Protein backbone atom coordinates (compact mmCIF):
# COMPACT_ATOMS: atom_id res chain seq x y z
CA MET A 1 -5.08 10.55 24.20
CA ALA A 2 -4.58 8.32 21.20
CA PRO A 3 -5.26 9.80 17.74
CA ASN A 4 -8.22 7.46 17.19
CA SER A 5 -9.90 7.82 20.55
CA LEU A 6 -12.42 10.06 22.28
CA PRO A 7 -13.11 10.57 25.97
CA ILE A 8 -15.92 8.01 26.03
CA LEU A 9 -18.87 7.96 28.35
CA PRO A 10 -19.32 4.83 30.50
CA SER A 11 -22.33 3.75 28.45
CA PRO A 12 -24.70 0.79 28.82
CA HIS A 13 -22.89 -0.74 25.78
CA ILE A 14 -26.13 -1.58 23.98
CA GLY A 15 -24.59 -0.42 20.73
CA SER A 16 -21.41 -2.38 21.36
CA TRP A 17 -23.44 -5.51 22.01
CA LEU A 18 -25.36 -5.05 18.78
CA ASP A 19 -22.13 -4.41 16.87
CA ALA A 20 -20.63 -7.62 18.25
CA HIS A 21 -23.66 -9.80 17.45
CA ALA A 22 -24.99 -8.24 14.25
CA GLY A 23 -22.19 -6.03 12.92
CA PRO A 24 -21.81 -2.26 12.46
CA LEU A 25 -24.00 -2.31 9.32
CA MET A 26 -26.93 -3.62 11.35
CA SER A 27 -26.35 -0.88 13.94
CA TRP A 28 -26.51 1.79 11.27
CA CYS A 29 -29.64 0.27 9.72
CA VAL A 30 -31.32 0.50 13.14
CA LEU A 31 -30.07 4.10 13.55
CA VAL A 32 -31.28 5.25 10.14
CA ALA A 33 -34.71 3.70 10.69
CA ALA A 34 -34.99 5.23 14.17
CA ALA A 35 -33.82 8.63 12.90
CA ALA A 36 -36.33 8.60 10.05
CA ILE A 37 -39.19 7.75 12.40
CA ALA A 38 -38.10 10.32 14.99
CA GLY A 39 -37.71 12.99 12.35
CA HIS A 40 -41.19 12.33 10.98
CA LEU A 41 -42.74 12.45 14.46
CA VAL A 42 -41.00 15.74 15.30
CA PHE A 43 -42.10 17.25 12.00
CA ARG A 44 -45.68 15.97 12.23
CA LEU A 45 -46.33 16.81 15.88
CA SER A 46 -44.41 20.06 16.29
CA GLY A 47 -43.93 21.41 12.77
CA PHE A 48 -40.20 21.89 13.31
CA PRO A 49 -37.77 20.40 10.75
CA ARG A 50 -37.09 16.69 10.79
CA LEU A 51 -33.39 17.07 11.55
CA LEU A 52 -34.21 17.75 15.22
CA GLY A 53 -35.34 14.13 15.42
CA TYR A 54 -32.20 12.99 13.60
CA THR A 55 -30.03 14.85 16.12
CA VAL A 56 -31.82 13.36 19.15
CA VAL A 57 -31.36 9.85 17.77
CA GLY A 58 -27.68 10.57 17.06
CA LEU A 59 -27.05 11.79 20.61
CA LEU A 60 -28.67 8.68 22.06
CA ALA A 61 -26.66 6.53 19.66
CA GLY A 62 -23.39 8.08 20.79
CA TRP A 63 -24.29 7.63 24.45
CA LEU A 64 -25.31 4.00 23.89
CA GLY A 65 -22.16 3.21 21.91
CA PHE A 66 -23.67 2.48 18.49
CA GLY A 67 -21.33 2.29 15.52
CA ASP A 68 -18.06 2.30 17.50
CA LEU A 69 -16.71 5.06 15.24
CA PRO A 70 -13.07 6.17 15.61
CA TRP A 71 -12.10 9.80 16.12
CA PRO A 72 -10.79 11.64 14.15
CA LEU A 73 -12.99 10.28 11.38
CA GLN A 74 -11.21 7.91 9.04
CA GLY A 75 -11.84 5.60 6.10
CA ASN A 76 -15.38 5.12 4.81
CA THR A 77 -16.88 7.28 7.54
CA GLN A 78 -14.71 10.21 6.52
CA VAL A 79 -15.61 9.74 2.84
CA LEU A 80 -19.32 9.53 3.72
CA LEU A 81 -19.18 12.75 5.71
CA GLN A 82 -17.21 14.60 3.02
CA THR A 83 -19.67 13.47 0.35
CA ALA A 84 -22.69 14.48 2.45
CA VAL A 85 -21.22 17.89 3.23
CA GLY A 86 -20.00 18.24 -0.36
CA THR A 87 -23.39 17.66 -1.98
CA SER A 88 -25.00 20.34 0.20
CA LEU A 89 -22.16 22.79 -0.46
CA LEU A 90 -22.34 22.07 -4.20
CA MET A 91 -26.08 22.74 -4.30
CA ALA A 92 -25.82 25.87 -2.13
CA ALA A 93 -22.88 27.35 -4.05
CA SER A 94 -24.59 26.70 -7.39
CA GLN A 95 -27.14 29.39 -6.51
CA ILE A 96 -24.54 32.20 -6.24
CA SER A 97 -23.96 34.49 -9.20
CA LEU A 98 -20.44 35.87 -8.89
CA PRO A 99 -21.00 38.94 -11.14
CA TRP A 100 -23.96 39.94 -8.98
CA LEU A 101 -22.09 39.21 -5.74
CA LEU A 102 -19.07 41.31 -6.74
CA ARG A 103 -21.40 44.26 -7.26
CA GLN A 104 -22.52 43.96 -3.60
CA PRO A 105 -19.54 45.18 -1.52
CA TRP A 106 -21.65 45.70 1.62
CA LEU A 107 -22.91 42.14 1.39
CA LEU A 108 -19.38 40.76 1.07
CA LEU A 109 -18.29 42.90 4.02
CA GLN A 110 -21.26 41.71 6.06
CA SER A 111 -20.52 38.03 5.42
CA PHE A 112 -16.82 38.48 6.20
CA ALA A 113 -17.54 40.49 9.33
CA GLU A 114 -19.93 37.98 10.88
CA SER A 115 -17.51 35.12 10.28
CA VAL A 116 -14.53 37.02 11.67
CA ALA A 117 -16.61 38.22 14.64
CA ALA A 118 -17.48 34.62 15.54
CA LEU A 119 -13.81 33.62 15.20
CA VAL A 120 -12.53 36.50 17.37
CA LEU A 121 -15.16 36.22 20.07
CA VAL A 122 -14.94 32.45 20.46
CA THR A 123 -11.13 32.54 20.47
CA GLY A 124 -11.12 35.41 22.99
CA VAL A 125 -13.63 33.77 25.34
CA LEU A 126 -11.68 30.51 25.39
CA GLN A 127 -8.47 32.43 26.06
CA LEU A 128 -10.15 34.11 29.04
CA LEU A 129 -11.22 30.70 30.28
CA GLY A 130 -7.64 29.48 30.27
CA MET A 131 -7.45 27.53 27.03
CA GLY A 132 -4.20 27.63 25.02
CA TRP A 133 -3.88 29.51 21.74
CA ALA A 134 -4.02 26.32 19.70
CA VAL A 135 -7.26 25.07 21.26
CA SER A 136 -8.85 28.52 21.27
CA LEU A 137 -8.05 29.26 17.63
CA GLY A 138 -9.00 25.76 16.49
CA VAL A 139 -12.43 26.00 18.09
CA GLY A 140 -12.77 29.53 16.73
CA VAL A 141 -12.21 28.27 13.18
CA VAL A 142 -14.83 25.57 13.71
CA ALA A 143 -17.23 28.24 15.02
CA MET A 144 -16.85 30.38 11.87
CA ALA A 145 -18.81 28.06 9.66
CA ALA A 146 -22.59 28.28 9.44
CA SER A 147 -24.36 25.30 7.89
CA PRO A 148 -25.81 25.39 4.38
CA ALA A 149 -26.88 21.79 4.89
CA VAL A 150 -29.05 22.70 7.87
CA LEU A 151 -30.61 25.64 6.04
CA LEU A 152 -31.32 23.52 2.96
CA ARG A 153 -33.19 21.01 5.14
CA VAL A 154 -35.05 23.74 7.06
CA VAL A 155 -36.05 25.46 3.82
CA SER A 156 -37.19 22.16 2.30
CA ASP A 157 -39.23 21.05 5.30
CA LEU A 158 -40.85 24.45 5.88
CA ARG A 159 -41.26 25.22 2.15
CA ALA A 160 -39.63 28.59 2.70
CA SER A 161 -38.87 30.96 -0.17
CA GLY A 162 -38.11 34.65 -0.57
CA ALA A 163 -35.41 37.26 -0.09
CA VAL A 164 -34.69 36.33 3.54
CA THR A 165 -34.33 32.67 2.68
CA ASP A 166 -32.00 33.35 -0.25
CA ARG A 167 -29.87 35.81 1.73
CA SER A 168 -29.58 33.39 4.68
CA LEU A 169 -28.35 30.61 2.44
CA LEU A 170 -25.92 32.95 0.68
CA LEU A 171 -24.32 34.16 3.92
CA ALA A 172 -24.08 30.60 5.25
CA THR A 173 -22.30 29.48 2.07
CA LEU A 174 -19.86 32.40 2.17
CA SER A 175 -19.03 31.72 5.82
CA GLY A 176 -18.25 28.15 4.77
CA VAL A 177 -15.73 29.49 2.22
CA TYR A 178 -13.94 31.57 4.87
CA ALA A 179 -13.92 28.74 7.41
CA LEU A 180 -12.66 26.15 4.97
CA VAL A 181 -9.84 28.39 3.66
CA LEU A 182 -8.70 29.42 7.15
CA GLY A 183 -9.16 25.86 8.39
CA LEU A 184 -6.89 24.57 5.62
CA VAL A 185 -4.24 27.15 6.53
CA ILE A 186 -4.38 26.39 10.24
CA THR A 187 -4.52 22.64 9.75
CA VAL A 188 -1.64 22.34 7.33
CA ALA A 189 0.74 25.28 7.85
CA TRP A 190 0.46 25.70 11.61
CA SER A 191 0.71 23.06 14.32
CA PRO A 192 0.75 23.04 18.13
CA ALA A 193 4.16 23.08 19.80
CA ALA A 194 5.36 19.58 20.46
CA ALA A 195 4.87 18.27 23.98
CA ALA A 196 7.80 18.82 26.35
CA GLY A 197 8.43 15.15 26.99
CA ALA A 198 7.29 11.69 25.99
CA GLY A 199 3.74 11.03 27.05
CA VAL A 200 3.15 14.66 28.07
CA GLU A 201 -0.08 16.19 26.78
CA ASP A 202 0.05 20.01 26.97
CA ALA A 203 -3.31 21.52 26.05
CA GLN A 204 -1.85 25.01 26.66
CA ALA A 205 0.55 24.77 23.72
CA SER A 206 0.81 27.63 21.22
CA LEU A 207 0.89 27.36 17.42
CA VAL A 208 4.12 27.36 15.45
CA LEU A 209 4.69 27.94 11.71
CA THR A 210 7.29 25.92 9.82
CA ALA A 211 8.74 26.13 6.32
CA MET A 212 7.60 22.55 5.71
CA GLY A 213 4.10 23.56 6.71
CA LEU A 214 4.08 26.40 4.17
CA GLY A 215 5.14 24.02 1.43
CA GLN A 216 2.45 21.57 2.46
CA LEU A 217 -0.09 24.38 2.41
CA LEU A 218 0.74 25.29 -1.18
CA LEU A 219 0.44 21.64 -2.16
CA SER A 220 -2.93 21.33 -0.39
CA LEU A 221 -4.27 24.47 -2.07
CA GLY A 222 -3.16 23.17 -5.44
CA LEU A 223 -4.84 19.80 -4.82
CA THR A 224 -8.04 21.55 -3.69
CA VAL A 225 -8.14 23.50 -6.97
CA LEU A 226 -7.57 20.21 -8.80
CA TRP A 227 -10.55 18.56 -7.04
CA ALA A 228 -12.71 21.57 -7.92
CA VAL A 229 -11.71 21.35 -11.59
CA LEU A 230 -12.23 17.59 -11.71
CA THR A 231 -15.68 17.90 -10.17
CA THR A 232 -16.64 20.68 -12.58
CA VAL A 233 -15.37 18.73 -15.61
CA ALA A 234 -17.25 15.63 -14.47
CA LEU A 235 -20.60 17.36 -13.84
CA TRP A 236 -20.73 20.16 -16.41
CA PRO A 237 -21.40 18.00 -19.52
CA VAL A 238 -24.30 16.04 -18.02
CA LEU A 239 -25.94 19.12 -16.50
CA ARG A 240 -26.03 20.75 -19.92
CA TRP A 241 -28.00 17.90 -21.48
CA GLN A 242 -31.75 18.27 -21.76
CA SER A 243 -32.06 14.70 -20.49
CA SER A 244 -29.95 15.39 -17.42
CA ARG A 245 -32.93 14.92 -15.06
CA SER A 246 -32.75 11.11 -15.22
CA ASP A 247 -31.94 8.85 -12.27
CA SER A 248 -28.85 7.52 -14.06
CA THR A 249 -27.47 11.08 -14.22
CA ALA A 250 -27.93 11.41 -10.45
CA LEU A 251 -26.08 8.13 -9.86
CA TYR A 252 -23.26 9.29 -12.09
CA MET A 253 -23.01 12.57 -10.21
CA LEU A 254 -22.91 10.85 -6.82
CA ALA A 255 -20.25 8.45 -8.06
CA ALA A 256 -18.16 11.39 -9.26
CA LEU A 257 -18.42 13.10 -5.87
CA VAL A 258 -17.49 9.96 -4.00
CA ALA A 259 -14.51 9.41 -6.32
CA VAL A 260 -13.24 12.96 -5.69
CA SER A 261 -13.71 12.48 -1.93
CA LEU A 262 -11.64 9.30 -2.09
CA LEU A 263 -8.89 11.06 -4.04
CA ALA A 264 -8.83 13.92 -1.54
CA THR A 265 -8.64 11.47 1.38
CA ARG A 266 -5.76 9.66 -0.28
CA TRP A 267 -3.72 12.58 -1.65
CA GLY A 268 -4.68 15.59 0.47
CA GLY A 269 -6.43 18.90 -0.09
CA SER A 270 -9.96 19.84 0.94
CA ALA A 271 -12.73 17.95 -0.82
CA ALA A 272 -15.39 20.14 0.81
CA LEU A 273 -13.79 23.35 -0.41
CA GLY A 274 -13.29 21.79 -3.84
CA PHE A 275 -17.01 20.94 -4.07
CA LEU A 276 -17.95 24.46 -3.01
CA VAL A 277 -15.70 26.01 -5.67
CA ALA A 278 -17.08 23.56 -8.23
CA GLY A 279 -20.63 24.71 -7.41
CA LEU A 280 -19.59 28.34 -8.03
CA LEU A 281 -17.95 27.39 -11.32
CA LEU A 282 -20.95 25.38 -12.53
CA ARG A 283 -23.36 28.20 -11.74
CA ASN A 284 -21.29 30.92 -13.37
CA MET A 285 -20.50 28.89 -16.49
CA SER A 286 -24.22 28.62 -17.13
CA PRO A 287 -26.47 31.52 -18.17
CA LYS A 288 -29.29 30.12 -16.01
CA PRO A 289 -29.42 28.62 -12.50
CA LEU A 290 -28.82 24.88 -12.43
CA VAL A 291 -31.67 22.43 -11.92
CA TRP A 292 -30.52 19.31 -10.13
CA PRO A 293 -32.01 15.89 -10.91
CA SER A 294 -34.73 14.92 -8.43
CA ALA A 295 -32.92 11.67 -7.62
CA PHE A 296 -29.79 13.67 -6.73
CA THR A 297 -31.83 15.88 -4.41
CA ALA A 298 -33.33 12.78 -2.81
CA ALA A 299 -29.87 11.27 -2.34
CA ASN A 300 -28.73 14.51 -0.72
CA THR A 301 -31.64 14.18 1.73
CA MET A 302 -30.50 10.70 2.73
CA LEU A 303 -26.87 11.76 3.02
CA SER A 304 -27.98 14.70 5.20
CA LEU A 305 -29.87 12.33 7.49
CA LEU A 306 -26.73 10.21 7.94
CA MET A 307 -24.63 13.34 8.45
CA PHE A 308 -26.84 14.76 11.20
CA VAL A 309 -26.93 11.40 12.99
CA LEU A 310 -23.15 11.09 12.65
CA VAL A 311 -22.48 14.60 13.99
CA ALA A 312 -24.69 14.03 17.04
CA SER A 313 -23.38 10.52 17.72
CA MET A 314 -19.78 11.72 17.78
CA ALA A 315 -20.67 14.50 20.24
CA GLY A 316 -22.67 12.02 22.34
CA GLN A 317 -19.46 10.14 23.15
CA VAL A 318 -17.76 13.11 24.87
CA VAL A 319 -17.64 12.94 28.66
CA PRO A 320 -19.66 15.86 30.14
CA THR A 321 -18.23 17.59 33.19
CA VAL A 322 -19.36 20.74 34.98
CA GLY A 323 -16.29 22.68 33.82
CA LEU A 324 -16.60 21.42 30.25
CA VAL A 325 -20.28 22.28 30.03
CA SER A 326 -19.59 25.88 31.11
CA VAL A 327 -16.80 26.24 28.53
CA ILE A 328 -19.01 24.82 25.76
CA ALA A 329 -21.92 27.11 26.70
CA ALA A 330 -19.62 30.15 26.76
CA ALA A 331 -18.17 29.29 23.35
CA ALA A 332 -21.63 28.71 21.84
CA LEU A 333 -22.91 31.99 23.26
CA ALA A 334 -19.87 33.88 21.93
CA ARG A 335 -20.46 32.34 18.50
CA LEU A 336 -24.12 33.34 18.55
CA VAL A 337 -23.30 36.94 19.53
CA GLY A 338 -20.61 37.18 16.84
CA LYS A 339 -22.76 35.74 14.06
CA MET A 340 -25.89 37.72 14.83
CA GLY A 341 -24.05 40.91 15.73
CA GLY A 342 -22.02 40.92 12.50
CA VAL A 343 -25.13 40.48 10.38
CA LEU A 344 -27.17 43.13 12.19
CA LEU A 345 -24.46 45.79 12.47
CA LEU A 346 -23.57 45.68 8.75
CA GLY A 347 -26.97 44.96 7.27
CA LEU A 348 -28.14 48.48 6.38
CA GLY A 349 -26.31 48.68 3.06
CA THR A 350 -27.19 45.20 1.80
CA GLY A 351 -30.64 45.92 0.34
CA LEU A 352 -32.68 44.22 3.07
CA GLY A 353 -34.60 46.30 5.59
CA TRP A 354 -33.95 46.14 9.31
CA GLN A 355 -36.99 43.95 9.96
CA ARG A 356 -35.66 41.30 7.56
CA GLN A 357 -32.08 41.38 8.89
CA TRP A 358 -33.17 39.66 12.11
CA PRO A 359 -34.27 36.37 10.50
CA VAL A 360 -31.12 36.39 8.35
CA ALA A 361 -29.00 36.80 11.48
CA CYS A 362 -30.88 34.00 13.26
CA ALA A 363 -30.32 31.63 10.33
CA GLN A 364 -26.52 31.97 10.68
CA SER A 365 -26.56 30.40 14.15
CA ALA A 366 -26.83 26.82 12.91
CA SER A 367 -23.79 24.55 12.68
CA SER A 368 -23.38 20.93 11.59
CA GLY A 369 -21.41 18.66 9.24
CA LEU A 370 -19.10 21.32 7.81
CA ALA A 371 -17.94 22.19 11.33
CA LEU A 372 -17.40 18.47 12.03
CA VAL A 373 -15.21 18.20 8.91
CA LEU A 374 -13.06 21.09 10.18
CA ALA A 375 -12.83 19.66 13.71
CA SER A 376 -11.88 16.21 12.43
CA ALA A 377 -9.17 17.61 10.11
CA LEU A 378 -7.67 19.69 12.91
CA ALA A 379 -7.73 16.80 15.37
CA MET A 380 -6.21 14.43 12.83
CA GLN A 381 -3.34 16.75 11.96
CA TRP A 382 -2.59 17.86 15.52
CA ALA A 383 -2.97 14.52 17.35
CA ALA A 384 0.42 13.26 16.16
CA VAL A 385 2.16 16.42 17.45
CA ASN A 386 0.31 17.18 20.67
CA ALA A 387 -2.46 14.82 21.75
CA GLY A 388 -3.50 17.15 24.57
CA VAL A 389 -4.42 19.92 22.16
CA ALA A 390 -6.32 17.52 19.87
CA GLY A 391 -8.23 16.10 22.86
CA ALA A 392 -9.18 19.50 24.26
CA LEU A 393 -10.27 20.70 20.81
CA THR A 394 -12.45 17.62 20.41
CA ALA A 395 -14.02 17.89 23.86
CA ILE A 396 -15.10 21.50 23.24
CA ALA A 397 -15.83 21.59 19.51
CA LEU A 398 -18.08 18.54 19.11
CA PRO A 399 -20.66 19.37 21.80
CA MET A 400 -20.59 23.02 20.70
CA VAL A 401 -21.43 21.97 17.12
CA VAL A 402 -24.44 19.92 18.23
CA LEU A 403 -25.64 22.59 20.63
CA CYS A 404 -25.45 25.21 17.87
CA GLU A 405 -27.17 22.81 15.47
CA VAL A 406 -30.20 22.32 17.72
CA LEU A 407 -30.47 25.97 18.74
CA GLY A 408 -29.84 27.08 15.17
CA VAL A 409 -32.65 24.92 13.79
CA LEU A 410 -35.11 26.21 16.37
CA VAL A 411 -34.12 29.86 15.95
CA ALA A 412 -33.96 29.70 12.13
CA SER A 413 -37.36 28.01 11.90
CA LEU A 414 -39.02 30.56 14.17
CA ALA A 415 -37.32 33.40 12.28
CA LEU A 416 -38.53 32.12 8.89
CA TRP A 417 -42.05 31.70 10.25
CA ARG A 418 -41.88 35.20 11.68
CA SER A 419 -40.66 36.65 8.39
CA GLY A 420 -43.67 35.18 6.55
CA GLU A 421 -41.56 33.18 4.09
CA ALA A 422 -42.35 29.75 5.59
CA HIS A 423 -45.73 28.11 6.09
CA ARG A 424 -47.03 28.76 9.58
CA GLY A 425 -48.85 25.53 10.39
CA ILE A 426 -47.27 24.14 13.58
CA GLY A 427 -48.14 20.74 14.91
CA LEU A 428 -51.37 19.46 16.34
CA SER A 429 -52.77 22.90 17.18
CA ALA A 430 -52.77 23.84 13.49
CA LEU A 431 -54.19 20.44 12.56
CA ASN A 432 -57.05 20.78 15.04
CA ALA A 433 -57.73 24.34 13.90
CA LYS A 434 -57.84 23.12 10.29
CA GLU A 435 -55.18 25.63 9.29
CA LYS A 436 -52.96 25.13 6.26
CA ARG A 437 -49.98 23.08 7.37
CA HIS A 438 -46.57 23.21 5.69
CA ASP A 439 -46.44 19.37 5.63
CA ALA A 440 -49.88 18.99 4.06
């Protein structure tokens, strides 16, 4: 499998025809419009968050061949995804007070345990199903990350607020830290064993550590710290101004994030991890929680729409087979058990009662753009060494991410409704009963 290819479905080529006659930009204009309409209809008729509609449109787009995007993600598409993920991570991390968090050892243990449990269970299940160590561990790393972006959209659409909502977002952000750090280590320092002969693709290869890989890892960590510092230096002055709520400030902030993403794409390091660390620095350099410009929040909404469509469209291009579907379902189930089990088993000492641990556990099941960033980085790095490993990782990880995204949105929404922290109006039944709707 070539580094820039996916196992593609034999599609009707509607998207390819549109690309040829109107260009990729026209294809994406059609996709964005369709996703916006679908999201509104889902939200209005069912009460569930809009991103379910975005995901459905993305899956159809991938199956129909819209966009003709290469895999692993490259160029402008990679920068767009990193910026979309980065804005959500920046906003989520900016709500975490490090002094308070360090005084909560049980909470740190809980977040670490649920991430490690997902990693171990997914890796173990794939090993039992005959996958090699490289593929199993790579998918396990992708499975570690929950999705702050999904939770931010769910919270916004359902107008959720309260202790369960805050704790869910906190645990999702911390799991992103663990996944990004381990993903950087696995991506840079370790690589699959080279194929035995020219043209041979061995998906059963194991991982090997080299001295060159260790040196590259240190360089990547240093560059990641540099991107975090640059982002903090660029945003801190304007966020301190009383006039920092203007639209021009939001444009400046977006331009700074895109510039850092471009630098990371060109020189290395993790832009997503750098944005997350920058969010922590910005929050803990300020005596009060940050208030983001409304235009920046609106831009994050648009970037999230594009991200959800992109995630689903990439997964929609993977060829489904009976064996592959069973492997994906097993990996998704193992991830769900690990995430929820880790939260529930270690939740007694975290200050939330047992009844409120369930919705927090349900909220960790979602996955999205952050997982796609990890999968793309692993596939990009490993494709040159062993294309079989990169192809197997892609075929399992991408559908698993979308499956967990859809299930996670449904489960998290129901859990927040059940906890009483989100408005309960659901769809036409609430409208006909004249109940208070969350989209009123």
